Amino acid sequence: MCEPLALLDREPVSVHAPFLSYPGGQYRHEDAQERQASLRAALHGVPLGAYDERILPWLAGWEIPTVATVVSLLWRVRQATQQDRRGGGESR
């Protein structure tokens, strides 16, 4: 995920960026397995404990707008952290 993500001002329709439209412009049914894969991709490199591992499938069972919002938030946190490391973050 390299390009900056837009803020979500409306309900997302996909668990894949850009979240507000379907990848490639076409509807795809995103099942719980795919929702979990999106969560795991956004969490790549983050150590997960046993309880974390138990919660991910549960969270992936929620509807697409809920999971997509969480995935979008995780990616935006990653982007903000990377920007801060490069010195491009806003001063607080």
Protein backbone atom coordinates (compact mmCIF):
# COMPACT_ATOMS: atom_id res chain seq x y z
CA MET A 1 0.00 0.00 0.00
CA CYS A 2 1.98 2.99 -1.25
CA GLU A 3 -0.45 5.72 -2.25
CA PRO A 4 -2.14 7.79 0.46
CA LEU A 5 -5.61 6.60 1.36
CA ALA A 6 -8.57 8.92 1.45
CA LEU A 7 -10.51 9.43 4.64
CA LEU A 8 -13.75 7.49 4.79
CA ASP A 9 -16.64 9.94 4.59
CA ARG A 10 -19.15 7.30 3.55
CA GLU A 11 -19.70 3.60 4.10
CA PRO A 12 -16.96 1.52 2.46
CA VAL A 13 -17.98 -1.20 0.01
CA SER A 14 -14.79 -3.27 -0.17
CA VAL A 15 -12.11 -4.51 2.23
CA HIS A 16 -9.50 -3.59 -0.40
CA ALA A 17 -8.14 -0.10 -1.10
CA PRO A 18 -9.52 2.35 -2.03
CA PHE A 19 -12.39 0.90 0.06
CA LEU A 20 -15.05 3.23 -1.43
CA SER A 21 -15.15 1.39 -4.73
CA TYR A 22 -14.61 -2.18 -5.84
CA PRO A 23 -11.14 -3.27 -6.99
CA GLY A 24 -11.02 -2.89 -10.74
CA GLY A 25 -14.47 -1.30 -10.64
CA GLN A 26 -16.23 -4.66 -10.45
CA TYR A 27 -18.23 -6.12 -7.57
CA ARG A 28 -16.66 -9.12 -5.91
CA HIS A 29 -18.14 -11.02 -3.02
CA GLU A 30 -15.61 -10.73 -0.21
CA ASP A 31 -16.13 -13.64 2.14
CA ALA A 32 -14.90 -13.95 5.74
CA GLN A 33 -11.66 -15.57 4.57
CA GLU A 34 -10.90 -12.63 2.28
CA ARG A 35 -11.88 -10.14 4.98
CA GLN A 36 -9.47 -11.88 7.38
CA ALA A 37 -6.72 -11.81 4.75
CA SER A 38 -7.19 -8.04 4.40
CA LEU A 39 -6.93 -7.59 8.16
CA ARG A 40 -3.78 -9.71 8.26
CA ALA A 41 -2.22 -7.76 5.38
CA ALA A 42 -2.80 -4.50 7.25
CA LEU A 43 -1.26 -6.08 10.37
CA HIS A 44 1.76 -7.53 8.54
CA GLY A 45 4.81 -7.37 10.78
CA VAL A 46 2.78 -6.80 13.95
CA PRO A 47 3.33 -9.58 16.51
CA LEU A 48 0.04 -11.28 17.38
CA GLY A 49 -0.78 -13.10 20.59
CA ALA A 50 -3.15 -16.03 21.05
CA TYR A 51 -6.08 -13.75 21.87
CA ASP A 52 -5.31 -11.58 18.82
CA GLU A 53 -5.40 -14.71 16.68
CA ARG A 54 -8.74 -15.67 18.23
CA ILE A 55 -10.28 -12.24 17.57
CA LEU A 56 -9.23 -11.86 13.92
CA PRO A 57 -11.64 -14.54 12.59
CA TRP A 58 -14.39 -13.09 14.78
CA LEU A 59 -13.77 -9.58 13.46
CA ALA A 60 -13.61 -10.90 9.88
CA GLY A 61 -17.12 -12.29 10.40
CA TRP A 62 -18.56 -8.78 10.63
CA GLU A 63 -20.07 -7.10 7.56
CA ILE A 64 -17.84 -5.53 4.92
CA PRO A 65 -18.32 -1.87 5.98
CA THR A 66 -17.14 -2.65 9.52
CA VAL A 67 -14.13 -4.73 8.47
CA ALA A 68 -13.23 -2.29 5.67
CA THR A 69 -13.24 0.62 8.12
CA VAL A 70 -10.89 -1.22 10.50
CA VAL A 71 -8.60 -2.23 7.61
CA SER A 72 -8.57 1.34 6.29
CA LEU A 73 -7.74 2.70 9.75
CA LEU A 74 -4.86 0.23 10.14
CA TRP A 75 -3.38 1.17 6.74
CA ARG A 76 -3.76 4.90 7.47
CA VAL A 77 -1.97 4.45 10.81
CA ARG A 78 0.86 2.69 8.98
CA GLN A 79 1.06 5.54 6.47
CA ALA A 80 1.05 8.19 9.22
CA THR A 81 3.80 6.34 11.09
CA GLN A 82 5.94 6.08 7.95
CA GLN A 83 5.40 9.77 7.24
CA ASP A 84 6.43 10.66 10.81
CA ARG A 85 9.60 8.56 10.46
CA ARG A 86 10.51 10.46 7.31
CA GLY A 87 9.99 13.74 9.14
CA GLY A 88 6.91 14.68 7.16
CA GLY A 89 4.43 14.47 10.03
CA GLU A 90 2.70 17.46 11.51
CA SER A 91 4.01 18.74 14.80
CA ARG A 92 1.75 18.04 17.72
